[in-house]
């Protein structure tokens, strides 16, 4: 008997939540209604541009009434050194030299608002301390590039954000009634500090980083893969999903997640020596594991049954937040990890009686054998296929930036390795394409002049229509699930970085058409600037350095 759409929804939700054994308890699930989804920018659908993302976040933070909670890899340093903090009081838009300045100004404005009871920023410990060049003009290049030796125009995320939050921090420190333990700036150390003391910056980030991207302002949440810096506000393509009106509890969940992570992280007060986890690291990790389990595990396990027993309309979607942390850091989680939840979701779709297809986007494609095997299983079913989209050499995140260099400038080994990374990823794309193409799928490369590709996610569709461009989602009603968040679906995201994604499973087609139209448009818009590998120059004569990078650094890419 053919499975109904409602039965398919229940199957996918239960698979993503997991559970069924004492070692893996089920994840929490949140019922979403139409008013829980919002628009970023002035577009008629829910998709947005980097500029929309920047404008929306600045506006919401500036007018925040209760809380501002930001989790990111790093925050751009703007155009002025934090030691000259007086510029934060400037309100004229003409005074902004770059979009980072406008963002930092909005954050400072919120910090100065006495109504705000909670301000919390959590960043990666190593990345936040990396010295970077100041951004000197609007739409400038990569503000996260390492600073140039001999230049005094540099700062780091930690000191910049600390200076920006200064009014809030001083206010709560002077308030005897304020519980300010988890308020302010926090740096999350993923790696052993002994290793970080040996490796110079930015090599200390190679072994793993805090990579979660979640932005909470009052009762709204933006989940994305984007960091908070100039390129992500201008021309670095990413995805964004806005949850409003509390998101059925999802907004508070991510606020609690950030608070839990801050309990382990180091509160930064300007002293880099405080980044050491200290002698009680193991105890704090045990506390972190217990807190994460309490937060993520669904003890009641009633989400699907409750949705239809209160006389209200059925949810249009279900959200299952996921979490990934290196086994070397915390050991095996007591609930289904992000990797396991994603695999269970994909496997449930494959085993359904529908003709299912999967589309996967990754800024840095480095598929593991297990994920490749799952993707190809979609192609072995009648009518289904896997489609994979990643950055081409032109729009790759590690593509060499145009900089003026003197002829006698010697390029160091670190710079040479960085320059070889796009070719290394193209080699990995070529390897993946052999399996994907063999089962009727496609691999596409995003190539857009002046843009960098950073979007990641999964789209699962049922009963695709047959068109000339099979990779496109021709009928939005066919979308049954999407995954949005920080993970890149590669070896690094699985084994080294701290990640959080959110699995969205849609209900009956008629109840979620607007949302699914936007989700489908995200994928289709990216495909408009993409080409298939057959149209590109895939050379077999890759450089020796690229071969070495692929062989010895594959698990770090």
Protein backbone atom coordinates (compact mmCIF):
# COMPACT_ATOMS: atom_id res chain seq x y z
CA UNK A 1 0.00 0.00 0.00
CA UNK A 2 1.32 3.46 -0.93
CA UNK A 3 2.47 5.57 2.01
CA UNK A 4 0.47 8.79 2.53
CA UNK A 5 2.21 12.13 2.92
CA UNK A 6 1.29 12.29 6.59
CA UNK A 7 2.75 8.83 7.15
CA UNK A 8 5.91 9.91 5.34
CA UNK A 9 6.17 12.99 7.57
CA UNK A 10 5.85 10.88 10.71
CA UNK A 11 8.41 8.40 9.42
CA UNK A 12 10.98 11.12 8.71
CA UNK A 13 10.41 12.92 12.01
CA UNK A 14 10.81 9.73 14.04
CA UNK A 15 13.94 8.79 12.10
CA UNK A 16 15.52 12.21 12.67
CA UNK A 17 14.68 12.18 16.38
CA UNK A 18 16.13 8.69 16.78
CA UNK A 19 16.10 6.90 20.12
CA UNK A 20 15.16 3.30 20.67
CA UNK A 21 18.17 2.34 22.80
CA UNK A 22 19.59 3.35 26.20
CA UNK A 23 22.72 4.63 24.44
CA UNK A 24 20.79 6.93 22.07
CA UNK A 25 17.77 8.77 23.43
CA UNK A 26 15.32 10.62 21.14
CA UNK A 27 15.88 14.25 20.22
CA UNK A 28 13.39 17.00 20.99
CA UNK A 29 11.08 18.12 18.20
CA UNK A 30 9.24 21.43 17.81
CA UNK A 31 5.93 21.91 16.00
CA UNK A 32 6.01 24.93 13.66
CA UNK A 33 3.04 26.89 12.36
CA UNK A 34 2.99 29.51 9.62
CA UNK A 35 3.48 32.42 12.03
CA UNK A 36 6.73 30.82 13.23
CA UNK A 37 8.44 31.52 9.88
CA UNK A 38 9.52 35.05 8.97
CA UNK A 39 10.96 37.03 6.09
CA UNK A 40 14.42 38.57 5.99
CA UNK A 41 14.49 41.69 3.84
CA UNK A 42 11.78 43.01 1.55
CA UNK A 43 11.41 39.96 -0.69
CA UNK A 44 8.07 38.20 -1.08
CA UNK A 45 9.57 34.86 -0.07
CA UNK A 46 11.68 33.70 2.85
CA UNK A 47 15.03 33.55 1.01
CA UNK A 48 17.40 36.49 1.41
CA UNK A 49 20.65 38.04 0.21
CA UNK A 50 23.73 38.74 2.36
CA UNK A 51 22.73 42.41 2.36
CA UNK A 52 19.23 41.47 3.59
CA UNK A 53 20.81 39.36 6.33
CA UNK A 54 22.98 42.28 7.43
CA UNK A 55 20.19 44.85 7.37
CA UNK A 56 17.72 42.63 9.23
CA UNK A 57 20.21 41.67 11.94
CA UNK A 58 21.36 45.27 12.47
CA UNK A 59 17.79 46.55 12.69
CA UNK A 60 16.66 43.84 15.11
CA UNK A 61 19.70 44.19 17.39
CA UNK A 62 19.43 47.99 17.45
CA UNK A 63 15.78 47.76 18.54
CA UNK A 64 16.16 44.74 20.84
CA UNK A 65 14.08 44.90 24.01
CA UNK A 66 15.16 41.91 26.07
CA UNK A 67 18.06 39.81 24.80
CA UNK A 68 20.74 39.51 22.14
CA UNK A 69 22.48 36.12 21.89
CA UNK A 70 24.99 35.44 19.11
CA UNK A 71 26.90 32.22 18.43
CA UNK A 72 29.40 32.35 15.57
CA UNK A 73 32.88 31.31 14.53
CA UNK A 74 33.96 34.97 14.67
CA UNK A 75 32.76 38.56 14.24
CA UNK A 76 34.36 41.08 11.89
CA UNK A 77 36.53 43.75 13.51
CA UNK A 78 35.31 46.75 11.54
CA UNK A 79 37.44 49.68 10.39
CA UNK A 80 38.63 51.02 13.74
CA UNK A 81 40.77 49.54 16.47
CA UNK A 82 38.78 48.86 19.67
CA UNK A 83 41.21 50.98 21.68
CA UNK A 84 39.59 53.99 20.04
CA UNK A 85 36.18 52.93 21.36
CA UNK A 86 34.72 56.45 21.21
CA UNK A 87 33.59 55.87 17.62
CA UNK A 88 30.92 53.48 18.90
CA UNK A 89 28.76 56.38 19.97
CA UNK A 90 28.53 57.71 16.40
CA UNK A 91 25.05 57.28 14.89
CA UNK A 92 25.39 58.76 11.41
CA UNK A 93 25.07 56.15 8.69
CA UNK A 94 27.52 58.17 6.61
CA UNK A 95 30.15 57.46 9.22
CA UNK A 96 30.14 53.73 8.54
CA UNK A 97 33.19 52.76 6.49
CA UNK A 98 31.97 49.19 6.14
CA UNK A 99 29.01 46.98 7.01
CA UNK A 100 30.91 45.57 9.96
CA UNK A 101 30.94 49.08 11.46
CA UNK A 102 27.16 49.26 11.16
CA UNK A 103 26.77 45.84 12.78
CA UNK A 104 29.12 46.70 15.66
CA UNK A 105 27.33 50.02 16.11
CA UNK A 106 24.01 48.18 16.42
CA UNK A 107 25.52 45.82 18.98
CA UNK A 108 26.89 48.79 20.94
CA UNK A 109 23.49 50.47 20.80
CA UNK A 110 21.88 47.36 22.32
CA UNK A 111 24.61 47.16 24.96
CA UNK A 112 23.78 50.73 25.95
CA UNK A 113 20.06 49.97 26.28
CA UNK A 114 19.19 49.51 29.95
CA UNK A 115 16.14 47.41 29.02
CA UNK A 116 18.40 44.61 27.75
CA UNK A 117 18.73 41.92 30.40
CA UNK A 118 20.79 39.39 28.44
CA UNK A 119 23.69 39.88 26.04
CA UNK A 120 25.73 36.82 25.23
CA UNK A 121 28.27 36.31 22.47
CA UNK A 122 30.11 33.01 22.05
CA UNK A 123 32.93 32.58 19.51
CA UNK A 124 35.67 30.09 18.76
CA UNK A 125 38.57 30.67 21.14
CA UNK A 126 41.38 30.44 18.60
CA UNK A 127 39.62 32.18 15.74
CA UNK A 128 38.48 35.05 17.95
CA UNK A 129 42.08 35.73 19.00
CA UNK A 130 43.52 35.67 15.48
CA UNK A 131 45.00 39.02 14.47
CA UNK A 132 43.26 40.32 11.35
CA UNK A 133 43.49 43.44 9.24
CA UNK A 134 40.92 46.14 9.82
CA UNK A 135 38.27 46.52 7.12
CA UNK A 136 38.94 49.85 5.49
CA UNK A 137 35.95 50.37 3.19
CA UNK A 138 32.40 49.25 2.54
CA UNK A 139 32.25 45.98 0.58
CA UNK A 140 35.92 45.41 1.23
CA UNK A 141 37.46 41.98 0.85
CA UNK A 142 37.93 39.32 3.48
CA UNK A 143 38.09 41.00 6.87
CA UNK A 144 39.16 37.68 8.35
CA UNK A 145 42.44 37.62 6.42
CA UNK A 146 45.50 37.53 8.67
CA UNK A 147 47.09 40.89 9.15
CA UNK A 148 50.16 41.99 7.19
CA UNK A 149 53.43 42.03 9.08
CA UNK A 150 54.57 45.55 9.86
CA UNK A 151 51.06 46.97 9.76
CA UNK A 152 49.50 48.55 12.84
CA UNK A 153 45.99 48.29 11.39
CA UNK A 154 44.88 45.07 12.98
CA UNK A 155 42.71 43.76 15.78
CA UNK A 156 40.89 40.54 16.69
CA UNK A 157 37.26 39.52 17.18
CA UNK A 158 37.55 39.07 20.94
CA UNK A 159 38.87 42.54 21.74
CA UNK A 160 36.53 44.21 19.26
CA UNK A 161 33.42 42.53 20.67
CA UNK A 162 34.54 43.07 24.27
CA UNK A 163 34.88 46.81 23.57
CA UNK A 164 31.47 46.85 21.89
CA UNK A 165 29.74 45.14 24.84
CA UNK A 166 31.47 47.36 27.39
CA UNK A 167 28.35 49.41 28.41
CA UNK A 168 26.37 46.22 29.11
CA UNK A 169 29.23 44.50 30.94
CA UNK A 170 29.85 47.54 33.18
CA UNK A 171 26.14 47.81 33.95
CA UNK A 172 25.68 44.17 35.01
CA UNK A 173 28.92 44.17 37.01
CA UNK A 174 27.57 47.11 38.98
CA UNK A 175 24.24 45.42 39.59
CA UNK A 176 24.38 43.34 42.74
CA UNK A 177 21.09 41.65 41.82
CA UNK A 178 22.21 40.59 38.33
CA UNK A 179 23.13 36.97 37.78
CA UNK A 180 25.90 37.76 35.30
CA UNK A 181 27.65 34.39 35.22
CA UNK A 182 26.75 33.71 31.57
CA UNK A 183 26.52 37.28 30.34
CA UNK A 184 29.11 38.97 28.14
CA UNK A 185 31.69 37.49 25.78
CA UNK A 186 32.67 33.81 25.83
CA UNK A 187 35.33 31.92 23.87
CA UNK A 188 34.85 28.19 23.29
CA UNK A 189 38.11 26.19 23.20
CA UNK A 190 37.71 23.03 21.11
CA UNK A 191 41.33 21.89 21.15
CA UNK A 192 43.77 21.06 23.89
CA UNK A 193 45.56 24.25 24.85
CA UNK A 194 48.92 22.46 24.75
CA UNK A 195 48.38 21.83 21.03
CA UNK A 196 47.30 25.43 20.48
CA UNK A 197 50.42 26.70 22.24
CA UNK A 198 52.57 24.77 19.76
CA UNK A 199 50.73 25.72 16.58
CA UNK A 200 50.88 29.37 15.49
CA UNK A 201 47.72 31.18 14.43
CA UNK A 202 45.88 30.37 12.17
CA UNK A 203 47.21 26.77 12.15
CA UNK A 204 45.74 26.30 15.64
CA UNK A 205 42.31 26.30 13.96
CA UNK A 206 43.09 23.37 11.66
CA UNK A 207 42.44 20.72 14.33
CA UNK A 208 38.89 21.95 15.01
CA UNK A 209 36.80 25.03 15.74
CA UNK A 210 33.53 26.11 17.32
CA UNK A 211 31.43 26.44 14.17
CA UNK A 212 27.83 26.95 15.42
CA UNK A 213 25.87 29.85 13.81
CA UNK A 214 22.72 30.88 15.70
CA UNK A 215 21.47 34.43 16.20
CA UNK A 216 18.75 35.16 18.78
CA UNK A 217 17.18 38.61 19.27
CA UNK A 218 14.20 38.74 21.63
CA UNK A 219 11.72 36.11 20.30
CA UNK A 220 13.40 35.65 16.90
CA UNK A 221 16.09 33.24 15.72
CA UNK A 222 18.15 33.16 12.53
CA UNK A 223 19.84 29.87 11.70
CA UNK A 224 22.53 30.12 9.04
CA UNK A 225 25.97 29.05 7.95
CA UNK A 226 27.10 32.68 7.78
CA UNK A 227 29.52 34.36 10.15
CA UNK A 228 29.20 38.04 11.07
CA UNK A 229 31.72 39.87 8.91
CA UNK A 230 31.96 42.03 5.82
CA UNK A 231 31.97 39.34 3.15
CA UNK A 232 29.00 37.54 4.75
CA UNK A 233 27.16 40.87 4.68
CA UNK A 234 28.05 41.55 1.03
CA UNK A 235 28.99 38.84 -1.45
CA UNK A 236 29.49 35.52 0.35
CA UNK A 237 26.44 33.45 -0.52
CA UNK A 238 24.79 31.58 2.33
CA UNK A 239 21.40 30.40 3.59
CA UNK A 240 19.24 31.95 6.29
CA UNK A 241 16.07 30.77 8.00
CA UNK A 242 14.18 33.13 10.31
CA UNK A 243 11.96 31.77 13.08
CA UNK A 244 9.59 34.29 14.68
CA UNK A 245 7.16 34.51 17.59
CA UNK A 246 9.28 32.10 19.59
CA UNK A 247 9.23 29.44 16.88
CA UNK A 248 7.07 27.14 19.01
CA UNK A 249 9.84 26.95 21.61
CA UNK A 250 12.71 26.66 19.12
CA UNK A 251 14.01 30.19 19.85
CA UNK A 252 14.29 29.53 23.59
CA UNK A 253 15.90 26.16 22.84
CA UNK A 254 18.77 27.79 20.95
CA UNK A 255 19.08 30.45 23.64
CA UNK A 256 19.42 27.62 26.17
CA UNK A 257 21.94 25.87 23.92
CA UNK A 258 24.12 28.99 23.80
CA UNK A 259 23.83 29.35 27.57
CA UNK A 260 24.85 25.72 28.03
CA UNK A 261 27.88 26.16 25.79
CA UNK A 262 28.84 29.38 27.58
CA UNK A 263 28.86 27.46 30.87
CA UNK A 264 31.80 25.47 29.50
CA UNK A 265 33.43 28.27 27.50
CA UNK A 266 35.83 30.83 28.98
CA UNK A 267 34.48 34.25 29.85
CA UNK A 268 36.79 36.73 28.15
CA UNK A 269 37.78 39.92 29.94
CA UNK A 270 40.71 40.98 27.79
CA UNK A 271 43.29 38.56 29.13
CA UNK A 272 44.23 35.90 26.56
CA UNK A 273 45.89 33.83 29.28
CA UNK A 274 42.40 32.98 30.55
CA UNK A 275 41.83 30.80 27.50
CA UNK A 276 43.28 27.81 29.31
CA UNK A 277 40.51 25.43 30.35
CA UNK A 278 42.24 24.94 33.70
CA UNK A 279 42.72 21.93 35.90
CA UNK A 280 38.99 21.17 36.12
CA UNK A 281 38.54 20.61 32.37
CA UNK A 282 37.30 17.03 32.75
CA UNK A 283 34.73 18.01 35.38
CA UNK A 284 33.47 20.85 33.23
CA UNK A 285 33.18 18.52 30.23
CA UNK A 286 31.12 16.07 32.29
CA UNK A 287 28.84 18.93 33.31
CA UNK A 288 28.59 20.02 29.67
CA UNK A 289 27.63 16.52 28.56
CA UNK A 290 24.93 16.28 31.24
CA UNK A 291 23.55 19.71 30.35
CA UNK A 292 23.46 18.92 26.62
CA UNK A 293 21.65 15.65 27.30
CA UNK A 294 19.00 17.38 29.41
CA UNK A 295 18.54 20.01 26.70
CA UNK A 296 18.39 17.79 23.61
CA UNK A 297 16.64 14.66 24.86
CA UNK A 298 12.85 14.46 24.52
CA UNK A 299 11.65 12.73 27.69
CA UNK A 300 7.95 12.97 26.83
CA UNK A 301 8.20 11.72 23.22
CA UNK A 302 4.72 13.08 22.43
CA UNK A 303 5.33 15.67 19.72
CA UNK A 304 3.50 13.90 16.88
CA UNK A 305 0.52 12.79 18.92
CA UNK A 306 0.04 16.18 20.62
CA UNK A 307 -0.09 18.06 17.32
CA UNK A 308 -3.55 16.75 16.43
CA UNK A 309 -5.23 16.55 19.83
CA UNK A 310 -5.76 20.18 20.79
CA UNK A 311 -8.34 21.25 18.26
CA UNK A 312 -5.84 23.56 16.56
CA UNK A 313 -4.57 23.38 13.01
CA UNK A 314 -1.87 20.85 12.29
CA UNK A 315 1.70 22.17 12.21
CA UNK A 316 3.08 22.99 8.77
CA UNK A 317 6.48 21.62 9.76
CA UNK A 318 8.53 20.03 12.53
CA UNK A 319 11.99 21.22 13.62
CA UNK A 320 14.58 18.85 15.11
CA UNK A 321 17.73 20.67 16.33
CA UNK A 322 20.92 18.61 16.16
CA UNK A 323 24.40 18.87 17.63
CA UNK A 324 27.83 17.57 16.72
CA UNK A 325 30.97 17.66 18.83
CA UNK A 326 34.26 15.74 18.32
CA UNK A 327 34.41 12.37 20.07
CA UNK A 328 37.91 13.31 21.18
CA UNK A 329 36.40 16.26 23.05
CA UNK A 330 33.35 14.80 24.76
CA UNK A 331 33.06 11.14 23.79
CA UNK A 332 29.90 9.65 22.34
CA UNK A 333 26.78 11.67 23.07
CA UNK A 334 23.85 10.04 24.88
CA UNK A 335 21.51 11.25 22.14
CA UNK A 336 21.58 11.03 18.36
CA UNK A 337 24.32 13.29 16.98
CA UNK A 338 23.84 15.53 13.96
CA UNK A 339 25.62 13.04 11.72
CA UNK A 340 23.46 10.14 12.94
CA UNK A 341 20.24 12.17 12.72
CA UNK A 342 21.01 13.23 9.14
CA UNK A 343 21.87 9.66 8.12
CA UNK A 344 18.69 8.31 9.75
CA UNK A 345 16.62 10.92 7.91
CA UNK A 346 18.19 10.07 4.56
CA UNK A 347 17.84 6.33 5.13
CA UNK A 348 14.18 6.71 6.08
CA UNK A 349 13.56 8.64 2.87
CA UNK A 350 15.33 5.98 0.82
CA UNK A 351 13.32 3.18 2.42
CA UNK A 352 9.97 4.90 1.92
CA UNK A 353 7.72 3.86 -0.94
CA UNK A 354 8.06 7.26 -2.59
CA UNK A 355 10.42 8.13 -5.45
CA UNK A 356 12.80 10.29 -3.45
CA UNK A 357 15.63 12.56 -4.56
CA UNK A 358 18.21 14.37 -2.46
CA UNK A 359 20.07 17.61 -3.09
CA UNK A 360 23.11 18.49 -1.01
CA UNK A 361 25.05 21.75 -0.91
CA UNK A 362 28.44 22.19 0.72
CA UNK A 363 30.88 25.07 0.61
CA UNK A 364 33.76 22.60 1.01
CA UNK A 365 32.80 19.26 -0.49
CA UNK A 366 34.65 16.38 1.14
CA UNK A 367 32.10 13.58 1.33
CA UNK A 368 32.81 10.70 3.65
CA UNK A 369 32.38 7.15 2.24
CA UNK A 370 29.29 6.57 4.42
CA UNK A 371 27.57 9.73 3.20
CA UNK A 372 28.52 9.02 -0.42
CA UNK A 373 27.01 5.55 -0.09
CA UNK A 374 23.74 7.01 1.24
CA UNK A 375 23.53 9.59 -1.55
CA UNK A 376 24.04 7.01 -4.26
CA UNK A 377 21.24 4.87 -2.82
CA UNK A 378 18.80 7.58 -3.93
CA UNK A 379 19.94 6.98 -7.49
CA UNK A 380 19.36 3.26 -7.25
CA UNK A 381 15.64 3.79 -6.75
CA UNK A 382 13.26 4.30 -9.65
CA UNK A 383 12.79 7.99 -10.37
CA UNK A 384 15.16 9.28 -7.69
CA UNK A 385 18.65 10.77 -7.90
CA UNK A 386 21.29 12.62 -5.86
CA UNK A 387 22.39 16.14 -6.82
CA UNK A 388 25.44 17.77 -5.23
CA UNK A 389 26.39 21.45 -5.40
CA UNK A 390 29.65 23.00 -4.23
CA UNK A 391 32.01 25.89 -4.93
CA UNK A 392 33.95 26.09 -8.17
CA UNK A 393 37.45 27.54 -8.27
CA UNK A 394 36.19 31.05 -9.07
CA UNK A 395 33.85 31.22 -6.08
CA UNK A 396 35.74 29.06 -3.61
CA UNK A 397 36.24 30.32 -0.07
CA UNK A 398 39.99 29.70 -0.31
CA UNK A 399 40.39 31.26 -3.76
CA UNK A 400 43.38 33.66 -3.73
CA UNK A 401 42.34 37.23 -3.02
CA UNK A 402 43.48 40.03 -5.28
CA UNK A 403 46.13 41.90 -3.39
CA UNK A 404 48.90 44.20 -4.46
CA UNK A 405 52.17 42.45 -3.84
CA UNK A 406 55.70 43.54 -4.55
CA UNK A 407 57.60 41.40 -7.07
CA UNK A 408 60.16 40.38 -4.49
CA UNK A 409 57.52 39.21 -2.03
CA UNK A 410 58.27 35.63 -1.02
CA UNK A 411 55.30 33.36 -0.53
CA UNK A 412 55.56 31.24 2.62
CA UNK A 413 54.65 27.57 2.89
CA UNK A 414 51.37 28.37 4.71
CA UNK A 415 50.31 30.69 1.89
CA UNK A 416 51.27 28.09 -0.70
CA UNK A 417 49.19 25.45 1.07
CA UNK A 418 46.22 27.82 1.28
CA UNK A 419 46.54 28.61 -2.43
CA UNK A 420 46.43 24.89 -3.25
CA UNK A 421 43.25 24.21 -1.25
CA UNK A 422 40.75 25.07 -4.06
CA UNK A 423 42.50 22.57 -6.37
CA UNK A 424 42.51 20.02 -3.53
CA UNK A 425 38.75 20.39 -3.13
CA UNK A 426 38.25 20.11 -6.90
CA UNK A 427 40.15 16.84 -6.75
CA UNK A 428 37.76 15.65 -4.04
CA UNK A 429 34.81 16.81 -6.16
CA UNK A 430 36.12 14.74 -9.06
CA UNK A 431 36.32 11.68 -6.81
CA UNK A 432 32.76 12.19 -5.55
CA UNK A 433 31.37 12.81 -9.03
CA UNK A 434 32.32 9.31 -10.17
CA UNK A 435 29.87 7.74 -7.70
CA UNK A 436 27.18 10.40 -8.07
CA UNK A 437 27.16 10.34 -11.87
CA UNK A 438 27.17 6.54 -11.97
CA UNK A 439 23.76 6.40 -10.28
CA UNK A 440 22.12 9.05 -12.46
CA UNK A 441 22.88 12.11 -10.34
CA UNK A 442 24.71 15.37 -11.03
CA UNK A 443 27.54 17.36 -9.47
CA UNK A 444 27.42 21.12 -9.99
CA UNK A 445 29.97 23.84 -9.29
CA UNK A 446 28.92 27.37 -8.30
CA UNK A 447 30.80 29.86 -10.47
CA UNK A 448 29.79 33.50 -10.10
CA UNK A 449 32.18 36.43 -10.67
CA UNK A 450 32.66 38.53 -7.57
CA UNK A 451 30.91 36.05 -5.27
CA UNK A 452 32.09 33.41 -2.82
CA UNK A 453 29.99 30.29 -2.23
CA UNK A 454 29.34 29.30 1.38
CA UNK A 455 25.84 27.78 1.35
CA UNK A 456 25.26 24.36 2.86
CA UNK A 457 22.22 22.22 3.40
CA UNK A 458 20.07 19.29 2.32
CA UNK A 459 16.81 19.23 0.34
CA UNK A 460 14.76 16.01 0.12
CA UNK A 461 11.97 15.81 -2.47
CA UNK A 462 9.36 13.21 -3.38
CA UNK A 463 8.13 12.36 -6.88
CA UNK A 464 10.10 14.98 -8.81
CA UNK A 465 8.70 16.08 -12.16
CA UNK A 466 10.77 15.13 -15.21
CA UNK A 467 12.33 18.29 -16.73
CA UNK A 468 15.30 19.08 -18.93
CA UNK A 469 17.21 20.28 -15.87
CA UNK A 470 16.57 17.48 -13.46
CA UNK A 471 18.64 19.09 -10.72
CA UNK A 472 16.07 21.88 -10.29
CA UNK A 473 13.14 21.57 -7.88
CA UNK A 474 10.38 22.18 -10.41
CA UNK A 475 7.48 21.62 -8.01
CA UNK A 476 7.93 23.18 -4.50
CA UNK A 477 5.18 20.89 -3.20
CA UNK A 478 7.59 17.99 -3.67
CA UNK A 479 9.88 19.27 -0.87
CA UNK A 480 9.49 17.03 2.18
CA UNK A 481 12.51 18.09 4.26
CA UNK A 482 15.46 20.45 4.44
CA UNK A 483 18.43 20.82 6.77
CA UNK A 484 19.92 24.21 7.62
CA UNK A 485 22.81 25.13 9.88
CA UNK A 486 26.58 25.24 10.17
CA UNK A 487 27.69 21.75 9.03
CA UNK A 488 29.48 21.24 5.71
CA UNK A 489 28.70 17.50 5.31
CA UNK A 490 32.33 16.48 5.16
CA UNK A 491 35.05 14.80 7.16
CA UNK A 492 35.88 17.96 9.10
CA UNK A 493 32.29 18.59 10.22
CA UNK A 494 31.97 14.97 11.32
CA UNK A 495 35.18 14.65 13.31
CA UNK A 496 36.72 18.01 14.23
CA UNK A 497 34.29 20.92 14.55
CA UNK A 498 31.44 21.78 16.92
CA UNK A 499 28.31 22.10 14.75
CA UNK A 500 24.57 22.53 15.01
CA UNK A 501 22.02 21.95 12.26
CA UNK A 502 18.25 21.93 12.30
CA UNK A 503 16.21 19.34 10.40
CA UNK A 504 12.91 20.69 9.07
CA UNK A 505 10.30 18.11 8.03
CA UNK A 506 7.25 19.52 6.23
CA UNK A 507 3.69 18.38 6.77
CA UNK A 508 0.89 18.08 4.19
CA UNK A 509 1.73 20.04 1.00
CA UNK A 510 -1.33 22.32 1.15
CA UNK A 511 -0.34 23.69 4.57
CA UNK A 512 3.20 24.83 3.83
CA UNK A 513 3.27 26.01 0.22
CA UNK A 514 4.81 29.44 0.89
CA UNK A 515 7.58 28.05 3.06
CA UNK A 516 8.43 25.27 0.64
CA UNK A 517 8.41 27.70 -2.29
CA UNK A 518 11.18 29.66 -0.58
CA UNK A 519 13.15 26.52 0.31
CA UNK A 520 12.94 25.33 -3.31
CA UNK A 521 13.91 28.78 -4.60
CA UNK A 522 17.07 28.74 -2.47
CA UNK A 523 18.32 25.67 -4.29
CA UNK A 524 17.14 26.74 -7.73
CA UNK A 525 18.73 30.18 -7.44
CA UNK A 526 22.08 28.61 -6.61
CA UNK A 527 21.78 26.31 -9.62
CA UNK A 528 21.34 29.33 -11.92
CA UNK A 529 24.98 30.24 -11.31
CA UNK A 530 26.28 26.67 -11.47
CA UNK A 531 27.73 24.44 -14.14
CA UNK A 532 28.44 20.72 -14.34
CA UNK A 533 32.03 19.40 -14.08
CA UNK A 534 31.97 18.21 -17.70
CA UNK A 535 32.03 21.86 -18.72
CA UNK A 536 35.11 22.55 -16.63
CA UNK A 537 38.79 21.80 -17.00
CA UNK A 538 39.36 18.88 -14.65
CA UNK A 539 43.04 18.31 -15.09
CA UNK A 540 44.72 15.06 -14.21
CA UNK A 541 48.09 16.74 -13.87
CA UNK A 542 47.48 18.32 -10.47
CA UNK A 543 50.49 19.77 -8.70
CA UNK A 544 52.51 17.73 -6.25
CA UNK A 545 51.54 20.13 -3.46
CA UNK A 546 47.85 19.61 -4.20
CA UNK A 547 48.35 15.84 -4.14
CA UNK A 548 50.08 16.12 -0.77
CA UNK A 549 47.31 18.32 0.62
CA UNK A 550 44.65 15.80 -0.47
CA UNK A 551 46.53 12.79 0.88
CA UNK A 552 47.68 14.14 4.23
CA UNK A 553 45.12 16.84 5.06
CA UNK A 554 41.89 15.28 3.80
CA UNK A 555 40.40 14.82 7.27
CA UNK A 556 41.10 18.49 8.05
CA UNK A 557 39.34 19.87 4.94
